[in-house]
Every structure is written in C-alpha cells, then in structure tokens.
C-alpha cells in the first residue's frame, strides 16, 4: 500500500509526496528539506527561511512520514502542518514549492 504526505504549498493546492522507500530526510539548507529515496531519487521541499541550524521543518516532515506509515491501509495520506514552529521572521513557515529529481 502506497502512503503519501499531503503538503500544502503556498499559492497552490496540496501536493502529494510519496513516503514509501524513504532512505533519509535531511535539512539541506535553511530553506530546503530533501527526502532521499532508496532508488536515489530526491524530493526537495522548499520553505520559508529558518534560523541557522534549525531543523524543525525536517522534524515535522519526518514525524509526519512516521505517522502516516503507522496508519491503517484505509488512510493512505496525512496532511502536513507546520503549526507550532517559527521561521526566522517569527511567523509560521510555509512550503513554497516541491520538486522531484
């Protein structure tokens, strides 16, 4: 059963990101989180600027992956929320884009 994160993207509809076969989730920069798959493919999630060494967005994405993988097969997706964390400007960070390579 495939599992997905449903990620709200600023000025777009929610985007689905596959979470099966994730090898690692890493904070690539203060504005990007990378999901690396066992196949070597990558999903880059761009977000508002975070403070240096802040991995709260990565942690939320990683926790969401773990949560959706534990859901019953009848629930194939989980809505990601960045509520409860702050970006470098003191606001709630937003996802600004998702790319695959």
Protein backbone atom coordinates (compact mmCIF):
# COMPACT_ATOMS: atom_id res chain seq x y z
CA UNK A 1 0.00 0.00 0.00
CA UNK A 2 1.40 3.36 -1.04
CA UNK A 3 1.40 6.12 1.57
CA UNK A 4 1.60 9.87 0.94
CA UNK A 5 2.04 13.18 2.69
CA UNK A 6 -0.46 15.83 1.63
CA UNK A 7 1.59 19.03 1.78
CA UNK A 8 0.03 22.49 1.48
CA UNK A 9 2.08 24.60 -0.94
CA UNK A 10 1.79 28.39 -0.86
CA UNK A 11 -0.41 29.71 -3.71
CA UNK A 12 -1.13 26.13 -4.89
CA UNK A 13 -3.30 23.21 -3.91
CA UNK A 14 -1.96 20.46 -1.65
CA UNK A 15 0.69 18.27 -3.27
CA UNK A 16 1.06 14.55 -2.60
CA UNK A 17 4.53 13.25 -1.79
CA UNK A 18 5.20 9.51 -1.72
CA UNK A 19 6.74 8.26 1.52
CA UNK A 20 7.33 4.61 0.69
CA UNK A 21 11.01 3.63 0.43
CA UNK A 22 12.38 6.80 2.05
CA UNK A 23 16.05 6.34 2.91
CA UNK A 24 16.67 9.67 4.68
CA UNK A 25 15.10 13.05 5.38
CA UNK A 26 17.65 15.84 5.69
CA UNK A 27 17.71 19.58 6.18
CA UNK A 28 19.57 20.58 3.01
CA UNK A 29 19.67 24.32 3.84
CA UNK A 30 17.80 26.95 5.84
CA UNK A 31 15.15 26.90 3.06
CA UNK A 32 15.03 23.26 1.89
CA UNK A 33 14.35 19.76 3.15
CA UNK A 34 15.33 16.80 0.98
CA UNK A 35 13.63 13.42 1.03
CA UNK A 36 16.02 10.86 -0.48
CA UNK A 37 14.53 7.57 -1.66
CA UNK A 38 16.25 4.18 -1.77
CA UNK A 39 16.15 4.46 -5.58
CA UNK A 40 18.38 7.57 -5.40
CA UNK A 41 15.57 9.90 -6.46
CA UNK A 42 15.02 13.05 -4.44
CA UNK A 43 12.11 15.25 -3.43
CA UNK A 44 13.09 18.79 -2.41
CA UNK A 45 10.64 20.72 -0.27
CA UNK A 46 11.31 24.48 -0.29
CA UNK A 47 10.08 26.52 2.66
CA UNK A 48 10.39 29.93 4.28
CA UNK A 49 13.80 30.74 5.77
CA UNK A 50 14.53 29.17 9.14
CA UNK A 51 17.20 30.20 11.63
CA UNK A 52 20.63 28.62 11.19
CA UNK A 53 20.80 25.02 12.49
CA UNK A 54 17.01 24.90 12.93
CA UNK A 55 15.64 21.56 11.73
CA UNK A 56 12.02 21.99 12.84
CA UNK A 57 10.60 21.67 9.29
CA UNK A 58 12.62 18.49 8.70
CA UNK A 59 11.45 17.12 12.03
CA UNK A 60 7.78 17.85 11.20
CA UNK A 61 8.12 16.15 7.81
CA UNK A 62 9.94 13.16 9.27
CA UNK A 63 7.39 12.81 12.10
CA UNK A 64 4.57 13.03 9.53
CA UNK A 65 6.18 10.24 7.49
CA UNK A 66 6.38 8.01 10.54
CA UNK A 67 2.79 8.81 11.46
CA UNK A 68 1.31 8.05 8.02
CA UNK A 69 3.25 4.79 7.81
CA UNK A 70 1.60 3.61 11.04
CA UNK A 71 -1.93 4.42 9.83
CA UNK A 72 -4.27 1.70 8.63
CA UNK A 73 -4.30 0.95 4.90
CA UNK A 74 -7.65 2.75 4.59
CA UNK A 75 -5.86 6.03 5.37
CA UNK A 76 -3.22 6.42 2.64
CA UNK A 77 -2.34 10.07 3.27
CA UNK A 78 -1.66 12.54 6.07
CA UNK A 79 -1.97 16.33 5.98
CA UNK A 80 1.32 18.01 6.97
CA UNK A 81 1.05 21.00 9.29
CA UNK A 82 3.90 23.32 10.22
CA UNK A 83 1.86 24.88 13.02
CA UNK A 84 3.72 25.22 16.30
CA UNK A 85 7.08 26.17 14.79
CA UNK A 86 8.50 29.56 13.81
CA UNK A 87 10.55 30.67 10.83
CA UNK A 88 13.44 33.15 11.08
CA UNK A 89 10.97 36.05 10.96
CA UNK A 90 8.85 34.72 13.82
CA UNK A 91 5.91 33.52 11.70
CA UNK A 92 4.64 30.07 10.86
CA UNK A 93 6.75 28.78 7.94
CA UNK A 94 5.07 27.92 4.65
CA UNK A 95 6.05 25.42 1.99
CA UNK A 96 6.86 27.41 -1.14
CA UNK A 97 7.48 24.61 -3.63
CA UNK A 98 8.14 20.91 -4.19
CA UNK A 99 10.43 19.49 -6.87
CA UNK A 100 11.46 15.96 -7.80
CA UNK A 101 14.72 14.84 -9.35
